[in-house]
Amino acid sequence: MIVATLGPEGNNHVLVLRRYLAARGLADAQVKLFDDFPTAFAALVAGEVDRVLQCTAHFSHADCVGRHMHRAFPVDVFVAGSHPLALLARRDVAAPRQVARQPATRYYTDLSGFSEEVDAATTVAVAEGLLAGRFEAGICARQALEDHPEKLCLLEDLGPALDVWVLYGTEPLVDSNPLVL
């Protein structure tokens, strides 16, 4: 079985997918990472992958569901927490005015104190941008602070996001499945 989700390695989609596979006894499944969900869903309907895992909070969720109606079907759903998140800033910026965030995280805390908000593709990209000096502050995994305390400081601990996750396949569930109402 090949199960796809959004990359890169280390993001919440990969974290939750690996947890899911372990919990369902599918640890031998092959994981395939995609740069975006439209490409992952296209691979699903083309038969190149067997399943796609997507968080319903992801900004492309509604588009993917709509574009693949009657070709990609929810086959499992569950609730899972993300990596613990934090609003971090670079230590070399005394008063950060710019904040980066993945669009799904934009309301996780009050960002009104920043004069500029920058979209990033993933929370991993936010952490990389902070460390590379492209961003002054950002919402990303708290692990970035633990890995680089000399470069980053904590502005606010946000904890894990608790989200609904959907696994898609190409065959709909039968009416007798307990997930079907």
N, C-alpha and C. Protein backbone atom coordinates (compact mmCIF):
# COMPACT_ATOMS: atom_id res chain seq x y z
N MET A 1 0.85 -1.18 0.00
CA MET A 1 0.00 0.00 0.00
C MET A 1 0.89 1.24 0.00
N ILE A 2 0.54 2.21 -0.84
CA ILE A 2 1.25 3.48 -0.89
C ILE A 2 0.29 4.56 -0.39
N VAL A 3 0.71 5.25 0.67
CA VAL A 3 -0.12 6.30 1.26
C VAL A 3 0.60 7.63 1.08
N ALA A 4 -0.11 8.60 0.52
CA ALA A 4 0.48 9.90 0.22
C ALA A 4 -0.02 10.96 1.19
N THR A 5 0.81 11.96 1.38
CA THR A 5 0.41 13.16 2.11
C THR A 5 1.35 14.29 1.73
N LEU A 6 1.16 15.41 2.36
CA LEU A 6 1.96 16.60 2.09
C LEU A 6 3.33 16.51 2.77
N GLY A 7 4.38 16.78 2.02
CA GLY A 7 5.72 16.88 2.59
C GLY A 7 5.98 18.32 2.99
N PRO A 8 7.15 18.60 3.49
CA PRO A 8 8.33 17.77 3.58
C PRO A 8 8.33 16.93 4.87
N GLU A 9 9.31 16.06 4.95
CA GLU A 9 9.51 15.26 6.16
C GLU A 9 9.59 16.21 7.36
N GLY A 10 8.97 15.83 8.45
CA GLY A 10 9.02 16.64 9.66
C GLY A 10 7.79 17.51 9.88
N ASN A 11 6.91 17.62 8.87
CA ASN A 11 5.72 18.45 9.07
C ASN A 11 4.63 17.65 9.78
N ASN A 12 3.51 18.31 10.07
CA ASN A 12 2.43 17.66 10.80
C ASN A 12 1.75 16.55 10.01
N HIS A 13 1.62 16.72 8.69
CA HIS A 13 1.00 15.67 7.89
C HIS A 13 1.81 14.36 7.98
N VAL A 14 3.10 14.47 7.91
CA VAL A 14 3.95 13.29 8.00
C VAL A 14 3.89 12.69 9.40
N LEU A 15 3.95 13.53 10.42
CA LEU A 15 3.86 13.08 11.81
C LEU A 15 2.57 12.28 12.03
N VAL A 16 1.44 12.85 11.61
CA VAL A 16 0.15 12.20 11.85
C VAL A 16 0.00 10.95 10.98
N LEU A 17 0.49 11.00 9.74
CA LEU A 17 0.41 9.81 8.89
C LEU A 17 1.18 8.64 9.53
N ARG A 18 2.37 8.91 10.01
CA ARG A 18 3.16 7.82 10.61
C ARG A 18 2.47 7.29 11.88
N ARG A 19 1.87 8.15 12.67
CA ARG A 19 1.11 7.72 13.84
C ARG A 19 -0.07 6.84 13.41
N TYR A 20 -0.78 7.29 12.38
CA TYR A 20 -1.95 6.57 11.87
C TYR A 20 -1.55 5.18 11.40
N LEU A 21 -0.50 5.10 10.59
CA LEU A 21 -0.07 3.80 10.05
C LEU A 21 0.32 2.86 11.18
N ALA A 22 1.02 3.35 12.18
CA ALA A 22 1.41 2.52 13.32
C ALA A 22 0.18 2.05 14.09
N ALA A 23 -0.77 2.95 14.32
CA ALA A 23 -1.97 2.62 15.10
C ALA A 23 -2.86 1.62 14.37
N ARG A 24 -2.86 1.66 13.05
CA ARG A 24 -3.72 0.77 12.26
C ARG A 24 -3.00 -0.51 11.83
N GLY A 25 -1.76 -0.70 12.31
CA GLY A 25 -1.02 -1.90 11.97
C GLY A 25 -0.55 -1.91 10.53
N LEU A 26 -0.32 -0.74 9.98
CA LEU A 26 0.11 -0.61 8.58
C LEU A 26 1.53 -0.03 8.48
N ALA A 27 2.37 -0.33 9.45
CA ALA A 27 3.71 0.26 9.51
C ALA A 27 4.54 -0.08 8.28
N ASP A 28 4.19 -1.13 7.55
CA ASP A 28 4.94 -1.50 6.34
C ASP A 28 4.50 -0.73 5.10
N ALA A 29 3.47 0.08 5.23
CA ALA A 29 3.00 0.87 4.07
C ALA A 29 4.08 1.83 3.62
N GLN A 30 4.14 2.06 2.33
CA GLN A 30 5.10 3.03 1.77
C GLN A 30 4.48 4.42 1.87
N VAL A 31 5.25 5.39 2.31
CA VAL A 31 4.81 6.77 2.42
C VAL A 31 5.39 7.55 1.25
N LYS A 32 4.52 8.27 0.55
CA LYS A 32 4.96 9.11 -0.57
C LYS A 32 4.56 10.54 -0.26
N LEU A 33 5.54 11.45 -0.28
CA LEU A 33 5.29 12.85 0.05
C LEU A 33 5.17 13.68 -1.22
N PHE A 34 4.21 14.60 -1.20
CA PHE A 34 3.97 15.49 -2.33
C PHE A 34 4.16 16.94 -1.89
N ASP A 35 4.46 17.79 -2.85
CA ASP A 35 4.64 19.21 -2.57
C ASP A 35 3.32 19.94 -2.38
N ASP A 36 2.23 19.37 -2.92
CA ASP A 36 0.92 19.98 -2.77
C ASP A 36 -0.16 18.91 -2.88
N PHE A 37 -1.34 19.23 -2.38
CA PHE A 37 -2.42 18.25 -2.40
C PHE A 37 -3.06 18.05 -3.76
N PRO A 38 -3.19 19.06 -4.61
CA PRO A 38 -3.74 18.76 -5.94
C PRO A 38 -2.96 17.66 -6.66
N THR A 39 -1.65 17.66 -6.54
CA THR A 39 -0.82 16.63 -7.17
C THR A 39 -1.02 15.28 -6.49
N ALA A 40 -1.16 15.27 -5.17
CA ALA A 40 -1.38 14.02 -4.44
C ALA A 40 -2.74 13.41 -4.82
N PHE A 41 -3.78 14.24 -4.91
CA PHE A 41 -5.10 13.72 -5.29
C PHE A 41 -5.11 13.25 -6.74
N ALA A 42 -4.39 13.94 -7.61
CA ALA A 42 -4.28 13.49 -9.00
C ALA A 42 -3.62 12.12 -9.06
N ALA A 43 -2.60 11.91 -8.23
CA ALA A 43 -1.93 10.60 -8.17
C ALA A 43 -2.88 9.53 -7.65
N LEU A 44 -3.73 9.90 -6.70
CA LEU A 44 -4.70 8.94 -6.17
C LEU A 44 -5.68 8.49 -7.25
N VAL A 45 -6.29 9.43 -7.94
CA VAL A 45 -7.29 9.05 -8.95
C VAL A 45 -6.64 8.39 -10.16
N ALA A 46 -5.35 8.61 -10.37
CA ALA A 46 -4.63 7.95 -11.47
C ALA A 46 -4.14 6.56 -11.06
N GLY A 47 -4.31 6.18 -9.80
CA GLY A 47 -3.89 4.86 -9.34
C GLY A 47 -2.42 4.76 -8.99
N GLU A 48 -1.74 5.90 -8.86
CA GLU A 48 -0.31 5.90 -8.53
C GLU A 48 -0.06 5.74 -7.04
N VAL A 49 -1.05 6.09 -6.22
CA VAL A 49 -1.01 5.87 -4.77
C VAL A 49 -2.36 5.29 -4.38
N ASP A 50 -2.40 4.63 -3.22
CA ASP A 50 -3.63 3.96 -2.77
C ASP A 50 -4.49 4.83 -1.86
N ARG A 51 -3.86 5.73 -1.12
CA ARG A 51 -4.57 6.59 -0.17
C ARG A 51 -3.88 7.94 -0.10
N VAL A 52 -4.66 8.96 0.31
CA VAL A 52 -4.13 10.29 0.59
C VAL A 52 -4.67 10.71 1.95
N LEU A 53 -3.78 11.18 2.82
CA LEU A 53 -4.18 11.72 4.12
C LEU A 53 -4.10 13.24 4.06
N GLN A 54 -5.20 13.89 4.49
CA GLN A 54 -5.24 15.35 4.49
C GLN A 54 -5.92 15.86 5.76
N CYS A 55 -5.36 16.90 6.34
CA CYS A 55 -5.98 17.59 7.47
C CYS A 55 -7.08 18.50 6.93
N THR A 56 -8.24 18.48 7.57
CA THR A 56 -9.34 19.31 7.08
C THR A 56 -9.07 20.80 7.29
N ALA A 57 -8.10 21.15 8.12
CA ALA A 57 -7.75 22.56 8.30
C ALA A 57 -6.84 23.08 7.19
N HIS A 58 -6.32 22.19 6.35
CA HIS A 58 -5.43 22.64 5.28
C HIS A 58 -6.21 23.49 4.29
N PHE A 59 -5.61 24.58 3.84
CA PHE A 59 -6.32 25.54 2.99
C PHE A 59 -6.82 24.96 1.68
N SER A 60 -6.25 23.86 1.20
CA SER A 60 -6.69 23.27 -0.07
C SER A 60 -7.74 22.18 0.10
N HIS A 61 -8.17 21.92 1.32
CA HIS A 61 -9.07 20.80 1.57
C HIS A 61 -10.37 20.88 0.74
N ALA A 62 -11.07 21.98 0.82
CA ALA A 62 -12.35 22.10 0.11
C ALA A 62 -12.15 21.97 -1.40
N ASP A 63 -11.12 22.57 -1.94
CA ASP A 63 -10.86 22.46 -3.38
C ASP A 63 -10.59 21.02 -3.79
N CYS A 64 -9.81 20.30 -3.01
CA CYS A 64 -9.49 18.91 -3.34
C CYS A 64 -10.74 18.04 -3.30
N VAL A 65 -11.57 18.23 -2.28
CA VAL A 65 -12.81 17.46 -2.17
C VAL A 65 -13.71 17.76 -3.37
N GLY A 66 -13.86 19.04 -3.71
CA GLY A 66 -14.72 19.42 -4.82
C GLY A 66 -14.21 18.95 -6.17
N ARG A 67 -12.93 19.11 -6.43
CA ARG A 67 -12.36 18.73 -7.72
C ARG A 67 -12.37 17.22 -7.97
N HIS A 68 -12.40 16.44 -6.90
CA HIS A 68 -12.30 14.99 -7.06
C HIS A 68 -13.56 14.26 -6.60
N MET A 69 -14.68 14.99 -6.53
CA MET A 69 -15.95 14.38 -6.14
C MET A 69 -16.25 13.21 -7.08
N HIS A 70 -16.70 12.12 -6.51
CA HIS A 70 -17.04 10.88 -7.23
C HIS A 70 -15.82 10.15 -7.77
N ARG A 71 -14.60 10.61 -7.39
CA ARG A 71 -13.37 9.90 -7.79
C ARG A 71 -12.48 9.63 -6.59
N ALA A 72 -12.54 10.48 -5.58
CA ALA A 72 -11.79 10.29 -4.32
C ALA A 72 -12.81 10.37 -3.18
N PHE A 73 -12.76 9.35 -2.30
CA PHE A 73 -13.78 9.22 -1.26
C PHE A 73 -13.13 9.11 0.11
N PRO A 74 -13.75 9.72 1.12
CA PRO A 74 -13.25 9.52 2.48
C PRO A 74 -13.44 8.05 2.87
N VAL A 75 -12.37 7.43 3.38
CA VAL A 75 -12.46 6.04 3.80
C VAL A 75 -12.14 5.86 5.29
N ASP A 76 -11.62 6.92 5.91
CA ASP A 76 -11.40 6.91 7.35
C ASP A 76 -11.28 8.35 7.81
N VAL A 77 -11.62 8.58 9.07
CA VAL A 77 -11.55 9.92 9.66
C VAL A 77 -11.19 9.76 11.13
N PHE A 78 -10.39 10.70 11.63
CA PHE A 78 -9.97 10.64 13.03
C PHE A 78 -9.51 12.02 13.48
N VAL A 79 -9.30 12.15 14.77
CA VAL A 79 -8.80 13.39 15.37
C VAL A 79 -7.39 13.13 15.86
N ALA A 80 -6.48 14.07 15.57
CA ALA A 80 -5.09 13.92 16.01
C ALA A 80 -4.46 15.28 16.27
N GLY A 81 -3.53 15.30 17.19
CA GLY A 81 -2.81 16.52 17.52
C GLY A 81 -1.55 16.68 16.67
N SER A 82 -1.17 17.91 16.47
CA SER A 82 0.02 18.25 15.69
C SER A 82 1.25 18.25 16.58
N HIS A 83 2.39 18.56 15.97
CA HIS A 83 3.57 18.88 16.77
C HIS A 83 3.17 20.04 17.69
N PRO A 84 3.69 20.11 18.91
CA PRO A 84 3.44 21.31 19.71
C PRO A 84 3.98 22.54 18.95
N LEU A 85 3.15 23.56 18.89
CA LEU A 85 3.50 24.76 18.13
C LEU A 85 3.88 25.91 19.06
N ALA A 86 4.55 26.90 18.48
CA ALA A 86 4.94 28.08 19.24
C ALA A 86 5.08 29.26 18.29
N LEU A 87 4.89 30.44 18.82
CA LEU A 87 5.24 31.67 18.11
C LEU A 87 6.66 32.00 18.54
N LEU A 88 7.58 31.90 17.60
CA LEU A 88 9.00 32.11 17.88
C LEU A 88 9.50 33.35 17.16
N ALA A 89 10.60 33.89 17.65
CA ALA A 89 11.25 35.03 17.00
C ALA A 89 12.75 34.78 16.98
N ARG A 90 13.39 35.46 16.03
CA ARG A 90 14.86 35.40 16.00
C ARG A 90 15.41 36.23 17.16
N ARG A 91 16.44 35.72 17.80
CA ARG A 91 17.05 36.43 18.93
C ARG A 91 17.71 37.74 18.49
N ASP A 92 18.14 37.81 17.24
CA ASP A 92 18.83 39.02 16.78
C ASP A 92 17.89 40.14 16.34
N VAL A 93 16.59 39.96 16.49
CA VAL A 93 15.60 40.98 16.15
C VAL A 93 14.93 41.42 17.45
N ALA A 94 15.23 42.65 17.88
CA ALA A 94 14.74 43.13 19.18
C ALA A 94 13.22 43.25 19.23
N ALA A 95 12.61 43.76 18.18
CA ALA A 95 11.16 43.96 18.15
C ALA A 95 10.63 43.49 16.79
N PRO A 96 10.33 42.21 16.66
CA PRO A 96 9.88 41.71 15.36
C PRO A 96 8.59 42.39 14.89
N ARG A 97 8.60 42.79 13.63
CA ARG A 97 7.42 43.42 13.03
C ARG A 97 6.77 42.52 11.98
N GLN A 98 7.52 41.54 11.53
CA GLN A 98 7.04 40.63 10.49
C GLN A 98 6.86 39.25 11.11
N VAL A 99 5.76 38.57 10.75
CA VAL A 99 5.50 37.23 11.25
C VAL A 99 5.10 36.32 10.08
N ALA A 100 5.67 35.13 10.05
CA ALA A 100 5.35 34.14 9.02
C ALA A 100 4.46 33.07 9.64
N ARG A 101 3.54 32.57 8.82
CA ARG A 101 2.68 31.49 9.28
C ARG A 101 2.15 30.72 8.10
N GLN A 102 1.94 29.44 8.30
CA GLN A 102 1.24 28.64 7.31
C GLN A 102 -0.22 29.09 7.41
N PRO A 103 -0.94 29.26 6.30
CA PRO A 103 -2.28 29.84 6.37
C PRO A 103 -3.22 29.20 7.40
N ALA A 104 -3.14 27.89 7.60
CA ALA A 104 -4.04 27.25 8.57
C ALA A 104 -3.77 27.70 10.00
N THR A 105 -2.59 28.25 10.27
CA THR A 105 -2.24 28.66 11.64
C THR A 105 -2.52 30.14 11.91
N ARG A 106 -3.06 30.87 10.94
CA ARG A 106 -3.16 32.33 11.07
C ARG A 106 -4.00 32.81 12.24
N TYR A 107 -4.91 31.99 12.74
CA TYR A 107 -5.75 32.43 13.87
C TYR A 107 -5.40 31.71 15.17
N TYR A 108 -4.28 31.03 15.22
CA TYR A 108 -3.91 30.30 16.43
C TYR A 108 -3.54 31.22 17.58
N THR A 109 -3.22 32.47 17.27
CA THR A 109 -2.91 33.46 18.30
C THR A 109 -3.13 34.85 17.69
N ASP A 110 -3.15 35.85 18.52
CA ASP A 110 -3.34 37.22 18.07
C ASP A 110 -2.04 37.73 17.43
N LEU A 111 -2.10 38.01 16.14
CA LEU A 111 -0.92 38.51 15.41
C LEU A 111 -1.03 40.00 15.10
N SER A 112 -1.98 40.68 15.74
CA SER A 112 -2.22 42.10 15.43
C SER A 112 -1.04 43.00 15.81
N GLY A 113 -0.14 42.54 16.64
CA GLY A 113 1.02 43.33 17.01
C GLY A 113 2.10 43.37 15.94
N PHE A 114 1.94 42.59 14.90
CA PHE A 114 2.91 42.56 13.80
C PHE A 114 2.37 43.41 12.65
N SER A 115 3.24 44.15 11.98
CA SER A 115 2.80 45.00 10.87
C SER A 115 2.70 44.25 9.55
N GLU A 116 3.34 43.08 9.46
CA GLU A 116 3.32 42.31 8.22
C GLU A 116 3.18 40.83 8.52
N GLU A 117 2.22 40.18 7.82
CA GLU A 117 2.07 38.73 7.91
C GLU A 117 2.49 38.12 6.58
N VAL A 118 3.28 37.07 6.64
CA VAL A 118 3.81 36.41 5.45
C VAL A 118 3.33 34.97 5.43
N ASP A 119 2.77 34.54 4.30
CA ASP A 119 2.37 33.14 4.16
C ASP A 119 3.58 32.28 3.84
N ALA A 120 3.61 31.09 4.45
CA ALA A 120 4.62 30.08 4.14
C ALA A 120 3.88 28.79 3.83
N ALA A 121 4.47 27.96 3.01
CA ALA A 121 3.80 26.73 2.59
C ALA A 121 3.55 25.76 3.73
N THR A 122 4.48 25.67 4.67
CA THR A 122 4.37 24.73 5.79
C THR A 122 4.97 25.36 7.04
N THR A 123 4.69 24.76 8.19
CA THR A 123 5.34 25.21 9.42
C THR A 123 6.83 24.90 9.37
N VAL A 124 7.21 23.86 8.63
CA VAL A 124 8.64 23.56 8.44
C VAL A 124 9.31 24.72 7.69
N ALA A 125 8.63 25.25 6.67
CA ALA A 125 9.18 26.39 5.91
C ALA A 125 9.30 27.63 6.80
N VAL A 126 8.38 27.80 7.74
CA VAL A 126 8.49 28.92 8.69
C VAL A 126 9.75 28.76 9.52
N ALA A 127 9.97 27.59 10.08
CA ALA A 127 11.17 27.36 10.90
C ALA A 127 12.44 27.58 10.08
N GLU A 128 12.46 27.04 8.86
CA GLU A 128 13.63 27.22 8.00
C GLU A 128 13.86 28.70 7.69
N GLY A 129 12.78 29.44 7.45
CA GLY A 129 12.90 30.87 7.16
C GLY A 129 13.40 31.67 8.35
N LEU A 130 12.97 31.30 9.54
CA LEU A 130 13.49 31.95 10.74
C LEU A 130 14.99 31.72 10.88
N LEU A 131 15.39 30.49 10.72
CA LEU A 131 16.81 30.15 10.89
C LEU A 131 17.69 30.74 9.80
N ALA A 132 17.11 30.93 8.60
CA ALA A 132 17.87 31.51 7.48
C ALA A 132 17.85 33.03 7.49
N GLY A 133 17.08 33.62 8.41
CA GLY A 133 17.01 35.08 8.50
C GLY A 133 16.00 35.72 7.57
N ARG A 134 15.14 34.94 6.92
CA ARG A 134 14.13 35.50 6.01
C ARG A 134 12.91 36.03 6.76
N PHE A 135 12.64 35.47 7.94
CA PHE A 135 11.50 35.89 8.74
C PHE A 135 11.99 36.38 10.09
N GLU A 136 11.28 37.34 10.66
CA GLU A 136 11.62 37.85 11.99
C GLU A 136 10.98 37.02 13.09
N ALA A 137 9.74 36.59 12.84
CA ALA A 137 8.99 35.77 13.80
C ALA A 137 8.12 34.82 13.00
N GLY A 138 7.60 33.79 13.68
CA GLY A 138 6.74 32.88 12.96
C GLY A 138 6.14 31.81 13.85
N ILE A 139 5.06 31.20 13.35
CA ILE A 139 4.42 30.08 14.03
C ILE A 139 4.95 28.80 13.40
N CYS A 140 5.57 27.97 14.23
CA CYS A 140 6.14 26.71 13.74
C CYS A 140 6.22 25.73 14.90
N ALA A 141 6.77 24.57 14.66
CA ALA A 141 6.93 23.58 15.72
C ALA A 141 7.86 24.12 16.80
N ARG A 142 7.46 23.93 18.04
CA ARG A 142 8.28 24.37 19.18
C ARG A 142 9.65 23.68 19.17
N GLN A 143 9.74 22.56 18.49
CA GLN A 143 10.99 21.81 18.38
C GLN A 143 12.10 22.69 17.79
N ALA A 144 11.74 23.64 16.92
CA ALA A 144 12.75 24.53 16.33
C ALA A 144 13.49 25.30 17.43
N LEU A 145 12.76 25.74 18.45
CA LEU A 145 13.38 26.45 19.58
C LEU A 145 14.28 25.49 20.36
N GLU A 146 13.80 24.28 20.58
CA GLU A 146 14.59 23.30 21.34
C GLU A 146 15.87 22.93 20.59
N ASP A 147 15.80 22.92 19.25
CA ASP A 147 16.97 22.59 18.43
C ASP A 147 17.92 23.77 18.26
N HIS A 148 17.41 25.01 18.37
CA HIS A 148 18.23 26.20 18.10
C HIS A 148 17.98 27.31 19.14
N PRO A 149 18.18 27.04 20.41
CA PRO A 149 17.91 28.06 21.44
C PRO A 149 18.83 29.27 21.34
N GLU A 150 19.97 29.11 20.70
CA GLU A 150 20.89 30.24 20.54
C GLU A 150 20.42 31.21 19.46
N LYS A 151 19.53 30.78 18.55
CA LYS A 151 19.07 31.62 17.45
C LYS A 151 17.62 32.09 17.61
N LEU A 152 16.83 31.36 18.40
CA LEU A 152 15.40 31.64 18.50
C LEU A 152 14.99 31.86 19.94
N CYS A 153 13.89 32.60 20.12
CA CYS A 153 13.31 32.79 21.45
C CYS A 153 11.80 32.60 21.37
N LEU A 154 11.22 32.25 22.50
CA LEU A 154 9.80 31.98 22.59
C LEU A 154 9.02 33.26 22.84
N LEU A 155 8.04 33.54 21.98
CA LEU A 155 7.11 34.64 22.22
C LEU A 155 5.83 34.11 22.86
N GLU A 156 5.37 32.92 22.39
CA GLU A 156 4.17 32.33 22.96
C GLU A 156 4.14 30.83 22.66
N ASP A 157 3.88 30.05 23.69
CA ASP A 157 3.73 28.61 23.54
C ASP A 157 2.28 28.34 23.15
N LEU A 158 2.05 27.66 22.03
CA LEU A 158 0.69 27.44 21.53
C LEU A 158 0.20 26.01 21.74
N GLY A 159 1.10 25.08 21.98
CA GLY A 159 0.71 23.69 22.15
C GLY A 159 0.28 23.06 20.83
N PRO A 160 -0.15 21.80 20.87
CA PRO A 160 -0.55 21.14 19.63
C PRO A 160 -1.92 21.59 19.16
N ALA A 161 -2.11 21.61 17.86
CA ALA A 161 -3.44 21.85 17.29
C ALA A 161 -4.13 20.50 17.21
N LEU A 162 -5.38 20.44 17.58
CA LEU A 162 -6.17 19.22 17.52
C LEU A 162 -7.10 19.35 16.32
N ASP A 163 -6.88 18.52 15.30
CA ASP A 163 -7.60 18.65 14.04
C ASP A 163 -8.26 17.36 13.62
N VAL A 164 -9.17 17.48 12.66
CA VAL A 164 -9.82 16.34 12.03
C VAL A 164 -9.01 16.00 10.78
N TRP A 165 -8.72 14.72 10.62
CA TRP A 165 -7.93 14.22 9.50
C TRP A 165 -8.77 13.23 8.70
N VAL A 166 -8.61 13.26 7.37
CA VAL A 166 -9.39 12.38 6.50
C VAL A 166 -8.43 11.60 5.61
N LEU A 167 -8.68 10.30 5.53
CA LEU A 167 -7.94 9.43 4.62
C LEU A 167 -8.85 9.17 3.42
N TYR A 168 -8.33 9.40 2.22
CA TYR A 168 -9.10 9.24 0.98
C TYR A 168 -8.62 8.03 0.20
N GLY A 169 -9.57 7.37 -0.47
CA GLY A 169 -9.29 6.28 -1.39
C GLY A 169 -10.14 6.46 -2.63
N THR A 170 -10.13 5.48 -3.50
CA THR A 170 -10.89 5.61 -4.76
C THR A 170 -12.18 4.80 -4.76
N GLU A 171 -12.48 4.11 -3.68
CA GLU A 171 -13.74 3.36 -3.57
C GLU A 171 -14.51 3.90 -2.36
N PRO A 172 -15.80 4.23 -2.54
CA PRO A 172 -16.57 4.72 -1.39
C PRO A 172 -16.81 3.62 -0.37
N LEU A 173 -17.03 4.03 0.86
CA LEU A 173 -17.37 3.08 1.91
C LEU A 173 -18.76 2.50 1.64
N VAL A 174 -18.98 1.28 2.07
CA VAL A 174 -20.29 0.67 1.93
C VAL A 174 -21.23 1.29 2.97
N ASP A 175 -22.51 1.28 2.69
CA ASP A 175 -23.49 1.89 3.59
C ASP A 175 -23.48 1.30 4.99
N SER A 176 -23.05 0.06 5.14
CA SER A 176 -23.04 -0.59 6.45
C SER A 176 -21.82 -0.21 7.29
N ASN A 177 -20.87 0.54 6.72
CA ASN A 177 -19.70 0.96 7.47
C ASN A 177 -20.13 1.91 8.59
N PRO A 178 -19.59 1.76 9.80
CA PRO A 178 -20.00 2.62 10.91
C PRO A 178 -19.68 4.10 10.70
N LEU A 179 -18.82 4.42 9.77
CA LEU A 179 -18.54 5.84 9.50
C LEU A 179 -19.61 6.49 8.63
N VAL A 180 -20.45 5.69 8.00
CA VAL A 180 -21.47 6.21 7.08
C VAL A 180 -22.79 6.38 7.82
N LEU A 181 -23.35 7.57 7.74
CA LEU A 181 -24.66 7.84 8.34
C LEU A 181 -25.75 7.73 7.30
